[in-house]
Amino acid sequence: MGEWYLEYEIQVNRPGLLGDIASLLGMLRVNIVTINGVDGGHRGMLLRTDNDDQIARFEQIAETMETIQVIKIREPKLRDILAVRHGRYIQRDADERKTFRFLRSDLGILVDFMAEIFKQEGHKLIGIRGMPRVGKTESVVAASVCANKKWIFLSSTMIKQTLRKNLAGDEFSKDNIFILDGIVTRRAEDERHMQLVREMMRMPTIKVVEHPDMFVQHSEYNIEDFDYIIELRTDPEQEITYEMMEKNHMISDRAAMDGPGLFNF
């Protein structure tokens, strides 16, 4: 059974228009799975049919209609599914097509987006850019829960600064989500930690790197290795810089040297 995404722009918004479109799809034996407005006068639908030729027939008929203009009709992509689910498209960088932008007010959409990626099998390397306390780590953990996956911090400052040197046997699983803080890992001097990171990078599993630009400095990895780059801001004009973040990590390091504060295992 084939699945399709249909998006059309309303040219003449008259009563009964949606009913006419639904009736036409029904006569062609195309089932409407989900429907929602996705952008102003646009409407999106997720469709399912046993005969994909009926989709081509619908497209031909729609071309003769003055009330709508078909914008997209294709196999659904992740952005299409989320657009119908949430009523709008995720913002994507026009030049860097693997870069997706979110605001803190969009955390629900971001969690849904990452959860769908986490459900996929195989290697995925995801980078998250954002200033402190914007919701990066919390979103990754929430998405792991939604995807029914176990998350493991290789390095982090979520509660206290954490730096893993090894993992238990049951933690070596391709079904786990491995999370690391790029600033903490980049500044780590322990070769056992770096060896663990390299081992995880070779595993066919999901890896999430906070501050990916800092992670790739002085390492064998580069930004082109990432499958997705997510940018999270409190407002659209917020600039993501690393000077303050480096300073905060240096303060955390000094605090850890003065007393219990570094989870180093």
Protein backbone atom coordinates (compact mmCIF):
# COMPACT_ATOMS: atom_id res chain seq x y z
CA MET A 1 0.00 0.00 0.00
CA GLY A 2 1.54 3.28 -1.14
CA GLU A 3 1.74 6.42 1.00
CA TRP A 4 1.66 9.91 -0.48
CA TYR A 5 1.85 13.51 0.63
CA LEU A 6 -0.49 15.98 -1.05
CA GLU A 7 -0.27 19.73 -0.55
CA TYR A 8 -2.45 22.19 -2.38
CA GLU A 9 -3.03 25.94 -2.28
CA ILE A 10 -6.62 27.15 -2.06
CA GLN A 11 -7.39 29.49 -4.96
CA VAL A 12 -11.11 29.96 -4.25
CA ASN A 13 -12.02 29.36 -0.61
CA ARG A 14 -15.68 28.41 -0.89
CA PRO A 15 -17.87 26.31 1.45
CA GLY A 16 -17.67 22.60 0.74
CA LEU A 17 -14.29 22.71 -1.00
CA LEU A 18 -12.65 20.26 1.40
CA GLY A 19 -15.64 17.94 1.08
CA ASP A 20 -15.30 17.98 -2.70
CA ILE A 21 -11.59 17.10 -2.52
CA ALA A 22 -12.27 14.33 0.01
CA SER A 23 -15.11 12.95 -2.11
CA LEU A 24 -12.92 12.92 -5.22
CA LEU A 25 -10.17 11.04 -3.40
CA GLY A 26 -12.75 8.64 -2.03
CA MET A 27 -14.13 7.87 -5.50
CA LEU A 28 -10.56 7.13 -6.60
CA ARG A 29 -10.21 4.79 -3.58
CA VAL A 30 -7.51 6.93 -2.00
CA ASN A 31 -7.71 7.07 1.80
CA ILE A 32 -6.99 10.28 3.72
CA VAL A 33 -4.87 9.36 6.74
CA THR A 34 -4.24 12.86 8.14
CA ILE A 35 -5.21 16.37 7.08
CA ASN A 36 -4.24 19.81 8.33
CA GLY A 37 -3.53 23.34 7.22
CA VAL A 38 0.23 23.68 6.80
CA ASP A 39 0.87 27.29 5.77
CA GLY A 40 -1.70 30.03 5.38
CA GLY A 41 -3.89 29.03 2.47
CA HIS A 42 -2.15 25.67 2.02
CA ARG A 43 -3.62 22.35 3.09
CA GLY A 44 -1.64 19.13 3.51
CA MET A 45 -2.81 15.53 3.45
CA LEU A 46 -1.18 12.18 4.09
CA LEU A 47 -2.76 9.67 1.73
CA ARG A 48 -2.73 5.89 1.35
CA THR A 49 -3.78 3.84 -1.65
CA ASP A 50 -3.51 0.31 -3.03
CA ASN A 51 -3.12 1.67 -6.57
CA ASP A 52 -0.60 4.46 -7.09
CA ASP A 53 -2.03 5.10 -10.57
CA GLN A 54 -5.03 6.68 -8.84
CA ILE A 55 -2.74 9.40 -7.50
CA ALA A 56 -1.75 10.28 -11.06
CA ARG A 57 -5.44 10.36 -12.01
CA PHE A 58 -6.20 12.73 -9.13
CA GLU A 59 -3.36 15.02 -10.21
CA GLN A 60 -4.73 15.16 -13.74
CA ILE A 61 -8.22 16.02 -12.49
CA ALA A 62 -6.85 18.62 -10.05
CA GLU A 63 -5.13 20.43 -12.91
CA THR A 64 -8.56 21.22 -14.36
CA MET A 65 -9.91 22.66 -11.11
CA GLU A 66 -9.90 26.42 -10.59
CA THR A 67 -10.40 26.22 -6.83
CA ILE A 68 -7.05 24.61 -5.92
CA GLN A 69 -3.49 24.39 -7.19
CA VAL A 70 -1.46 21.29 -6.35
CA ILE A 71 1.89 22.31 -4.86
CA LYS A 72 3.37 18.96 -3.88
CA ILE A 73 2.40 15.37 -4.49
CA ARG A 74 5.09 12.87 -3.56
CA GLU A 75 6.09 10.10 -1.18
CA PRO A 76 6.03 11.73 2.28
CA LYS A 77 9.26 13.03 3.73
CA LEU A 78 9.81 13.55 7.44
CA ARG A 79 9.18 17.30 7.09
CA ASP A 80 5.87 16.56 5.32
CA ILE A 81 4.68 14.24 8.08
CA LEU A 82 5.56 16.77 10.78
CA ALA A 83 4.01 19.64 8.81
CA VAL A 84 0.66 17.84 8.72
CA ARG A 85 1.01 16.80 12.35
CA HIS A 86 1.86 20.29 13.66
CA GLY A 87 0.31 22.57 11.06
CA ARG A 88 3.48 24.14 9.70
CA TYR A 89 6.82 23.31 8.15
CA ILE A 90 10.06 23.11 10.08
CA GLN A 91 12.37 25.92 9.03
CA ARG A 92 15.36 24.73 7.03
CA ASP A 93 18.42 26.71 5.93
CA ALA A 94 18.16 27.64 2.25
CA ASP A 95 21.87 26.99 1.61
CA GLU A 96 22.71 24.30 4.18
CA ARG A 97 19.84 21.91 3.55
CA LYS A 98 20.75 19.64 6.47
CA THR A 99 20.44 22.54 8.95
CA PHE A 100 17.07 22.93 10.71
CA ARG A 101 16.14 25.89 12.92
CA PHE A 102 13.88 25.87 15.97
CA LEU A 103 12.88 28.31 18.69
CA ARG A 104 12.53 27.41 22.35
CA SER A 105 8.78 27.89 21.93
CA ASP A 106 8.92 25.06 19.34
CA LEU A 107 10.34 22.41 21.69
CA GLY A 108 7.36 20.13 21.11
CA ILE A 109 8.01 20.09 17.36
CA LEU A 110 11.75 19.66 17.91
CA VAL A 111 11.22 16.66 20.20
CA ASP A 112 8.86 15.11 17.64
CA PHE A 113 11.39 15.75 14.85
CA MET A 114 14.27 14.10 16.71
CA ALA A 115 12.11 11.21 17.93
CA GLU A 116 11.27 10.32 14.32
CA ILE A 117 14.99 10.35 13.47
CA PHE A 118 15.78 8.24 16.54
CA LYS A 119 13.29 5.60 15.39
CA GLN A 120 15.28 5.05 12.21
CA GLU A 121 17.88 2.28 12.11
CA GLY A 122 21.56 2.66 11.38
CA HIS A 123 24.11 5.42 11.81
CA LYS A 124 22.91 8.99 12.28
CA LEU A 125 25.14 11.82 13.49
CA ILE A 126 23.18 14.83 14.76
CA GLY A 127 24.64 18.13 15.90
CA ILE A 128 22.79 20.65 18.09
CA ARG A 129 23.83 24.29 18.28
CA GLY A 130 22.45 26.60 20.95
CA MET A 131 23.30 28.80 23.90
CA PRO A 132 23.13 27.52 27.50
CA ARG A 133 19.72 26.84 29.07
CA VAL A 134 17.88 26.89 25.77
CA GLY A 135 16.72 23.26 26.06
CA LYS A 136 19.21 21.25 23.98
CA THR A 137 19.89 18.34 26.34
CA GLU A 138 16.33 18.22 27.66
CA SER A 139 15.00 17.94 24.09
CA VAL A 140 17.36 15.05 23.26
CA VAL A 141 16.33 13.16 26.40
CA ALA A 142 12.62 13.79 25.75
CA ALA A 143 13.00 12.62 22.14
CA SER A 144 14.72 9.45 23.35
CA VAL A 145 11.78 8.74 25.63
CA CYS A 146 9.32 9.34 22.77
CA ALA A 147 11.30 6.97 20.56
CA ASN A 148 11.44 4.39 23.40
CA LYS A 149 15.24 4.46 23.35
CA LYS A 150 17.76 4.46 26.20
CA TRP A 151 20.05 7.50 26.29
CA ILE A 152 23.65 7.45 27.49
CA PHE A 153 25.81 10.50 28.24
CA LEU A 154 29.41 10.13 27.09
CA SER A 155 30.11 13.68 28.21
CA SER A 156 27.73 16.27 29.61
CA THR A 157 27.19 19.20 31.97
CA MET A 158 23.46 18.61 32.46
CA ILE A 159 23.65 17.92 36.21
CA LYS A 160 27.38 17.83 36.91
CA GLN A 161 30.21 17.54 34.47
CA THR A 162 30.32 13.97 33.23
CA LEU A 163 33.14 12.28 31.32
CA ARG A 164 32.79 8.59 30.47
CA LYS A 165 35.88 6.42 29.97
CA ASN A 166 34.11 3.11 29.46
CA LEU A 167 30.68 1.55 29.19
CA ALA A 168 29.09 -1.52 30.73
CA GLY A 169 28.35 -4.46 28.48
CA ASP A 170 24.63 -3.79 28.12
CA GLU A 171 25.33 -0.16 27.19
CA PHE A 172 27.02 -1.22 23.96
CA SER A 173 23.84 -1.42 21.94
CA LYS A 174 22.93 -0.01 18.54
CA ASP A 175 19.49 0.78 19.98
CA ASN A 176 20.88 3.32 22.46
CA ILE A 177 21.18 7.07 21.90
CA PHE A 178 24.69 8.33 22.68
CA ILE A 179 24.94 11.98 23.74
CA LEU A 180 28.07 14.04 24.17
CA ASP A 181 28.94 17.66 24.84
CA GLY A 182 31.37 18.83 22.16
CA ILE A 183 33.06 21.38 24.43
CA VAL A 184 33.64 18.91 27.28
CA THR A 185 34.94 16.21 24.93
CA ARG A 186 37.18 18.62 22.98
CA ARG A 187 38.83 19.80 26.18
CA ALA A 188 39.17 16.32 27.64
CA GLU A 189 42.77 15.20 28.12
CA ASP A 190 41.91 11.60 28.95
CA GLU A 191 42.78 9.36 26.01
CA ARG A 192 40.42 6.63 27.30
CA HIS A 193 37.49 9.00 26.87
CA MET A 194 38.57 9.91 23.34
CA GLN A 195 38.99 6.24 22.48
CA LEU A 196 35.45 5.57 23.71
CA VAL A 197 34.15 8.45 21.58
CA ARG A 198 35.93 7.10 18.49
CA GLU A 199 34.49 3.66 19.15
CA MET A 200 30.96 5.08 19.42
CA MET A 201 31.42 7.09 16.22
CA ARG A 202 32.14 3.85 14.36
CA MET A 203 29.05 2.09 15.69
CA PRO A 204 25.91 1.99 13.46
CA THR A 205 23.78 3.90 15.96
CA ILE A 206 22.45 7.38 16.77
CA LYS A 207 24.94 9.93 18.11
CA VAL A 208 23.94 13.42 19.23
CA VAL A 209 26.65 16.05 19.67
CA GLU A 210 25.94 19.31 21.46
CA HIS A 211 28.15 22.14 20.17
CA PRO A 212 29.30 20.25 17.04
CA ASP A 213 31.50 23.16 15.85
CA MET A 214 33.61 22.85 18.98
CA PHE A 215 33.65 19.05 18.76
CA VAL A 216 35.25 19.02 15.31
CA GLN A 217 38.08 21.35 16.36
CA HIS A 218 41.35 19.47 16.71
CA SER A 219 39.66 16.16 15.81
CA GLU A 220 39.46 13.84 12.83
CA TYR A 221 35.79 14.73 12.28
CA ASN A 222 34.28 17.67 10.39
CA ILE A 223 30.87 19.28 10.02
CA GLU A 224 30.28 17.47 6.72
CA ASP A 225 30.17 14.20 8.68
CA PHE A 226 26.89 15.26 10.34
CA ASP A 227 23.59 14.08 8.86
CA TYR A 228 21.55 16.78 10.64
CA ILE A 229 22.45 20.10 12.24
CA ILE A 230 19.81 21.53 14.59
CA GLU A 231 19.94 25.15 15.74
CA LEU A 232 17.90 26.07 18.83
CA ARG A 233 17.38 29.69 19.90
CA THR A 234 15.26 31.56 22.42
CA ASP A 235 14.34 34.09 19.72
CA PRO A 236 15.04 34.38 15.96
CA GLU A 237 17.73 37.06 16.43
CA GLN A 238 19.76 35.25 19.06
CA GLU A 239 23.37 34.73 18.02
CA ILE A 240 25.01 31.41 18.86
CA THR A 241 28.53 32.14 20.14
CA TYR A 242 31.03 30.01 22.03
CA GLU A 243 33.03 32.52 24.08
CA MET A 244 30.62 32.51 27.03
CA MET A 245 30.14 28.75 26.83
CA GLU A 246 33.90 28.14 26.99
CA LYS A 247 34.07 30.46 30.01
CA ASN A 248 31.23 28.58 31.75
CA HIS A 249 32.99 25.27 31.16
CA MET A 250 36.23 26.63 32.62
CA ILE A 251 34.31 27.70 35.73
CA SER A 252 32.80 24.20 35.95
CA ASP A 253 36.27 22.68 35.66
CA ARG A 254 37.60 24.80 38.54
CA ALA A 255 34.58 23.93 40.68
CA ALA A 256 35.13 20.24 39.99
CA MET A 257 38.79 20.56 41.10
CA ASP A 258 37.72 22.25 44.35
CA GLY A 259 35.28 19.51 45.34
CA PRO A 260 33.00 16.67 44.18
CA GLY A 261 31.50 17.66 40.86
CA LEU A 262 33.03 15.59 38.06
CA PHE A 263 31.45 12.25 37.23
CA ASN A 264 34.54 10.57 35.77
CA PHE A 265 34.09 6.87 35.12
